Amino acid sequence: MSEKKSIIKDRSFLFAKRIIKLYQYITDSKKEYVISKQLLRSGTAVGALVREAQNAESRPDFIHKLGIAQKEM
């Protein structure tokens, strides 16, 4: 069975990759660690929350979990 393409999943993955590159830039060139770590945690959490929403038990649960992911952005 082929998996259906998910735009949200793909975009959240690309977003996480950009966040990781930004984190590396900030820590390497600006030597800033506190805010950059929070940025890294929040930016990569979006993808995890989207994947969790895909496994929701109901439509309201799906909407609630995507709402949490949106707050991280």
N, C-alpha and C. Protein backbone atom coordinates (compact mmCIF):
# COMPACT_ATOMS: atom_id res chain seq x y z
N MET A 1 0.84 -1.18 0.00
CA MET A 1 0.00 0.00 0.00
C MET A 1 0.89 1.24 0.00
N SER A 2 0.67 2.15 -0.93
CA SER A 2 1.50 3.35 -1.01
C SER A 2 1.02 4.40 -0.03
N GLU A 3 1.97 5.13 0.52
CA GLU A 3 1.65 6.16 1.49
C GLU A 3 1.24 7.44 0.77
N LYS A 4 0.20 8.07 1.27
CA LYS A 4 -0.28 9.32 0.69
C LYS A 4 0.69 10.45 1.00
N LYS A 5 0.95 11.33 0.04
CA LYS A 5 1.87 12.44 0.21
C LYS A 5 1.26 13.48 1.15
N SER A 6 2.05 13.96 2.10
CA SER A 6 1.57 14.94 3.06
C SER A 6 2.38 16.23 2.93
N ILE A 7 1.72 17.29 2.51
CA ILE A 7 2.39 18.58 2.36
C ILE A 7 2.86 19.09 3.72
N ILE A 8 2.03 18.94 4.73
CA ILE A 8 2.40 19.43 6.07
C ILE A 8 3.62 18.68 6.59
N LYS A 9 3.64 17.38 6.40
CA LYS A 9 4.77 16.58 6.86
C LYS A 9 6.05 16.99 6.14
N ASP A 10 5.96 17.16 4.82
CA ASP A 10 7.14 17.56 4.03
C ASP A 10 7.63 18.94 4.43
N ARG A 11 6.71 19.88 4.58
CA ARG A 11 7.11 21.25 4.92
C ARG A 11 7.66 21.34 6.33
N SER A 12 7.11 20.57 7.26
CA SER A 12 7.64 20.61 8.63
C SER A 12 9.06 20.02 8.67
N PHE A 13 9.31 19.04 7.82
CA PHE A 13 10.65 18.47 7.74
C PHE A 13 11.64 19.50 7.19
N LEU A 14 11.25 20.19 6.11
CA LEU A 14 12.11 21.23 5.53
C LEU A 14 12.33 22.37 6.52
N PHE A 15 11.28 22.70 7.28
CA PHE A 15 11.39 23.75 8.30
C PHE A 15 12.41 23.34 9.36
N ALA A 16 12.35 22.10 9.81
CA ALA A 16 13.29 21.60 10.81
C ALA A 16 14.73 21.65 10.29
N LYS A 17 14.92 21.30 9.02
CA LYS A 17 16.26 21.36 8.44
C LYS A 17 16.79 22.79 8.42
N ARG A 18 15.93 23.76 8.09
CA ARG A 18 16.35 25.17 8.09
C ARG A 18 16.66 25.65 9.51
N ILE A 19 15.88 25.20 10.48
CA ILE A 19 16.12 25.57 11.87
C ILE A 19 17.47 25.03 12.33
N ILE A 20 17.79 23.81 11.96
CA ILE A 20 19.07 23.21 12.35
C ILE A 20 20.23 24.01 11.75
N LYS A 21 20.08 24.40 10.48
CA LYS A 21 21.14 25.20 9.84
C LYS A 21 21.27 26.56 10.53
N LEU A 22 20.16 27.18 10.88
CA LEU A 22 20.19 28.46 11.58
C LEU A 22 20.85 28.30 12.96
N TYR A 23 20.49 27.24 13.66
CA TYR A 23 21.10 26.96 14.97
C TYR A 23 22.62 26.83 14.83
N GLN A 24 23.06 26.08 13.83
CA GLN A 24 24.50 25.92 13.62
C GLN A 24 25.18 27.24 13.32
N TYR A 25 24.54 28.07 12.51
CA TYR A 25 25.09 29.39 12.19
C TYR A 25 25.21 30.25 13.45
N ILE A 26 24.14 30.29 14.24
CA ILE A 26 24.13 31.13 15.44
C ILE A 26 25.19 30.68 16.44
N THR A 27 25.29 29.38 16.66
CA THR A 27 26.25 28.90 17.65
C THR A 27 27.69 29.01 17.15
N ASP A 28 27.91 28.81 15.85
CA ASP A 28 29.28 28.88 15.31
C ASP A 28 29.77 30.32 15.17
N SER A 29 28.95 31.18 14.58
CA SER A 29 29.45 32.53 14.27
C SER A 29 29.13 33.56 15.34
N LYS A 30 28.02 33.41 16.02
CA LYS A 30 27.63 34.41 17.02
C LYS A 30 27.93 33.98 18.45
N LYS A 31 28.26 32.72 18.62
CA LYS A 31 28.58 32.16 19.94
C LYS A 31 27.43 32.37 20.94
N GLU A 32 26.22 32.23 20.46
CA GLU A 32 25.04 32.37 21.32
C GLU A 32 24.45 30.97 21.52
N TYR A 33 24.17 30.60 22.76
CA TYR A 33 23.76 29.22 23.04
C TYR A 33 22.39 29.08 23.69
N VAL A 34 21.98 30.02 24.52
CA VAL A 34 20.74 29.86 25.27
C VAL A 34 19.51 29.96 24.36
N ILE A 35 19.39 31.06 23.66
CA ILE A 35 18.23 31.24 22.78
C ILE A 35 18.29 30.27 21.60
N SER A 36 19.47 30.01 21.10
CA SER A 36 19.59 29.10 19.96
C SER A 36 19.13 27.68 20.32
N LYS A 37 19.38 27.25 21.55
CA LYS A 37 18.91 25.91 21.96
C LYS A 37 17.39 25.86 22.01
N GLN A 38 16.78 26.94 22.50
CA GLN A 38 15.31 26.98 22.55
C GLN A 38 14.75 26.99 21.13
N LEU A 39 15.38 27.73 20.24
CA LEU A 39 14.97 27.77 18.84
C LEU A 39 15.04 26.36 18.23
N LEU A 40 16.12 25.66 18.51
CA LEU A 40 16.29 24.30 18.00
C LEU A 40 15.19 23.37 18.52
N ARG A 41 14.92 23.43 19.81
CA ARG A 41 13.88 22.56 20.39
C ARG A 41 12.50 22.86 19.80
N SER A 42 12.15 24.13 19.75
CA SER A 42 10.82 24.51 19.23
C SER A 42 10.69 24.21 17.74
N GLY A 43 11.72 24.55 16.98
CA GLY A 43 11.67 24.36 15.54
C GLY A 43 11.60 22.92 15.10
N THR A 44 12.26 22.04 15.82
CA THR A 44 12.22 20.63 15.45
C THR A 44 11.01 19.91 16.06
N ALA A 45 10.39 20.51 17.07
CA ALA A 45 9.21 19.90 17.69
C ALA A 45 8.01 19.93 16.76
N VAL A 46 7.98 20.89 15.85
CA VAL A 46 6.83 21.03 14.94
C VAL A 46 6.62 19.73 14.16
N GLY A 47 7.69 19.20 13.58
CA GLY A 47 7.56 17.97 12.81
C GLY A 47 7.08 16.80 13.64
N ALA A 48 7.58 16.71 14.85
CA ALA A 48 7.15 15.62 15.74
C ALA A 48 5.67 15.76 16.08
N LEU A 49 5.22 16.97 16.30
CA LEU A 49 3.81 17.20 16.62
C LEU A 49 2.91 16.91 15.42
N VAL A 50 3.38 17.23 14.23
CA VAL A 50 2.60 16.92 13.02
C VAL A 50 2.46 15.41 12.86
N ARG A 51 3.55 14.70 13.07
CA ARG A 51 3.48 13.24 12.96
C ARG A 51 2.58 12.64 14.03
N GLU A 52 2.59 13.23 15.20
CA GLU A 52 1.70 12.76 16.27
C GLU A 52 0.24 13.01 15.88
N ALA A 53 -0.03 14.15 15.27
CA ALA A 53 -1.39 14.46 14.84
C ALA A 53 -1.89 13.47 13.79
N GLN A 54 -0.99 12.99 12.95
CA GLN A 54 -1.40 12.02 11.92
C GLN A 54 -1.90 10.72 12.55
N ASN A 55 -1.51 10.46 13.78
CA ASN A 55 -1.95 9.26 14.48
C ASN A 55 -3.05 9.56 15.50
N ALA A 56 -3.75 10.65 15.30
CA ALA A 56 -4.81 11.05 16.23
C ALA A 56 -5.93 10.02 16.26
N GLU A 57 -6.62 9.97 17.38
CA GLU A 57 -7.70 9.00 17.55
C GLU A 57 -9.02 9.47 16.95
N SER A 58 -9.16 10.78 16.75
CA SER A 58 -10.39 11.33 16.19
C SER A 58 -10.08 12.64 15.48
N ARG A 59 -11.05 13.14 14.74
CA ARG A 59 -10.86 14.42 14.05
C ARG A 59 -10.60 15.56 15.04
N PRO A 60 -11.38 15.68 16.14
CA PRO A 60 -11.08 16.74 17.10
C PRO A 60 -9.68 16.60 17.72
N ASP A 61 -9.24 15.38 17.95
CA ASP A 61 -7.90 15.14 18.48
C ASP A 61 -6.84 15.59 17.47
N PHE A 62 -7.08 15.30 16.18
CA PHE A 62 -6.18 15.72 15.11
C PHE A 62 -6.07 17.24 15.07
N ILE A 63 -7.19 17.91 15.12
CA ILE A 63 -7.21 19.38 15.07
C ILE A 63 -6.49 19.96 16.29
N HIS A 64 -6.73 19.39 17.44
CA HIS A 64 -6.07 19.86 18.67
C HIS A 64 -4.55 19.72 18.57
N LYS A 65 -4.09 18.58 18.10
CA LYS A 65 -2.64 18.34 18.00
C LYS A 65 -1.98 19.24 16.96
N LEU A 66 -2.66 19.51 15.85
CA LEU A 66 -2.11 20.44 14.87
C LEU A 66 -2.09 21.86 15.42
N GLY A 67 -3.06 22.20 16.27
CA GLY A 67 -3.07 23.51 16.91
C GLY A 67 -1.85 23.70 17.80
N ILE A 68 -1.45 22.64 18.50
CA ILE A 68 -0.25 22.69 19.33
C ILE A 68 0.97 22.90 18.45
N ALA A 69 1.04 22.21 17.33
CA ALA A 69 2.18 22.36 16.40
C ALA A 69 2.24 23.79 15.88
N GLN A 70 1.09 24.37 15.59
CA GLN A 70 1.05 25.74 15.08
C GLN A 70 1.59 26.73 16.10
N LYS A 71 1.34 26.49 17.36
CA LYS A 71 1.82 27.39 18.42
C LYS A 71 3.35 27.39 18.51
N GLU A 72 3.97 26.28 18.11
CA GLU A 72 5.43 26.19 18.15
C GLU A 72 6.09 27.04 17.07
N MET A 73 5.37 27.33 16.01
CA MET A 73 5.96 28.06 14.88
C MET A 73 6.12 29.52 15.18
